[in-house]
Amino acid sequence: MRVRPPRRIMERAVEAYRTGHIGVRAIASLSGAEPRTTERELDEAGIRPPQVVLSGRVDVRGLIARRGRPAHRATEPPENGQEQR
């Protein structure tokens, strides 16, 4: 037996799915259905997450850097369990 969640919660979850903030598993969990069934039902209703464009290249330095600077690493652990900046 499928349990129906409150309508407003489901509407918000579907909108979050449409904008790419949550996946189909979260909606399936709310509705008590299998993810494949939920994905098919959403697709049939014309509700799809945004398309992700994958490029063949990744800027590793950009992923590692924080605000344009390399990450700060302490040479010794901080005393008293507090980090100094």
Protein backbone atom coordinates (compact mmCIF):
# COMPACT_ATOMS: atom_id res chain seq x y z
CA MET A 1 0.00 0.00 0.00
CA ARG A 2 1.36 3.42 -1.00
CA VAL A 3 1.10 6.16 1.57
CA ARG A 4 0.44 9.61 0.19
CA PRO A 5 2.46 12.39 1.80
CA PRO A 6 0.88 15.82 2.39
CA ARG A 7 0.25 17.56 -0.93
CA ARG A 8 2.32 20.68 -0.21
CA ILE A 9 5.35 18.63 0.83
CA MET A 10 5.08 16.59 -2.36
CA GLU A 11 4.71 19.76 -4.47
CA ARG A 12 7.84 21.23 -2.91
CA ALA A 13 9.74 17.98 -3.43
CA VAL A 14 8.72 17.80 -7.09
CA GLU A 15 9.78 21.42 -7.62
CA ALA A 16 13.14 20.67 -5.95
CA TYR A 17 13.52 17.69 -8.30
CA ARG A 18 12.67 19.85 -11.31
CA THR A 19 15.35 22.39 -10.34
CA GLY A 20 17.95 19.71 -9.60
CA HIS A 21 18.14 20.15 -5.83
CA ILE A 22 17.03 16.63 -4.93
CA GLY A 23 17.03 13.30 -6.72
CA VAL A 24 14.26 10.92 -7.63
CA ARG A 25 15.06 8.69 -4.63
CA ALA A 26 13.95 11.41 -2.21
CA ILE A 27 10.57 11.70 -3.94
CA ALA A 28 10.24 7.92 -4.11
CA SER A 29 10.96 7.72 -0.40
CA LEU A 30 8.24 10.29 0.35
CA SER A 31 5.66 8.45 -1.71
CA GLY A 32 6.70 4.94 -0.67
CA ALA A 33 7.37 3.84 -4.25
CA GLU A 34 10.36 2.41 -6.06
CA PRO A 35 12.69 5.03 -7.60
CA ARG A 36 12.26 3.57 -11.10
CA THR A 37 8.47 3.76 -10.83
CA THR A 38 8.62 7.32 -9.51
CA GLU A 39 11.06 8.39 -12.25
CA ARG A 40 8.79 6.90 -14.93
CA GLU A 41 5.72 8.63 -13.47
CA LEU A 42 7.51 11.98 -13.29
CA ASP A 43 8.82 11.58 -16.84
CA GLU A 44 5.34 10.72 -18.14
CA ALA A 45 4.04 13.88 -16.46
CA GLY A 46 6.75 15.92 -18.22
CA ILE A 47 8.68 16.58 -15.02
CA ARG A 48 12.41 16.19 -15.54
CA PRO A 49 15.51 17.42 -13.74
CA PRO A 50 17.73 19.93 -15.58
CA GLN A 51 20.19 18.52 -18.08
CA VAL A 52 23.78 18.46 -16.85
CA VAL A 53 26.31 19.46 -19.46
CA LEU A 54 29.53 17.55 -18.97
CA SER A 55 32.70 18.89 -20.46
CA GLY A 56 35.68 16.71 -21.10
CA ARG A 57 37.96 18.92 -19.03
CA VAL A 58 38.10 19.70 -15.34
CA ASP A 59 40.02 22.57 -13.76
CA VAL A 60 41.67 20.68 -10.90
CA ARG A 61 43.39 23.78 -9.55
CA GLY A 62 40.03 25.53 -9.32
CA LEU A 63 38.57 22.59 -7.43
CA ILE A 64 41.44 22.53 -4.94
CA ALA A 65 41.83 26.27 -4.43
CA ARG A 66 39.76 28.17 -1.90
CA ARG A 67 38.79 31.66 -3.01
CA GLY A 68 41.66 31.70 -5.41
CA ARG A 69 44.22 30.67 -2.78
CA PRO A 70 45.63 27.28 -1.98
CA ALA A 71 44.11 25.68 1.08
CA HIS A 72 45.90 26.52 4.35
CA ARG A 73 47.47 23.53 6.03
CA ALA A 74 48.98 23.75 9.48
CA THR A 75 52.43 22.22 9.92
CA GLU A 76 51.59 21.31 13.52
CA PRO A 77 48.23 20.59 15.15
CA PRO A 78 46.77 23.61 17.00
CA GLU A 79 47.00 23.70 20.78
CA ASN A 80 43.88 23.53 22.96
CA GLY A 81 41.95 22.07 20.03
CA GLN A 82 41.43 25.50 18.47
CA GLU A 83 42.60 26.57 15.06
CA GLN A 84 44.61 29.78 14.74
CA ARG A 85 44.13 31.99 11.69
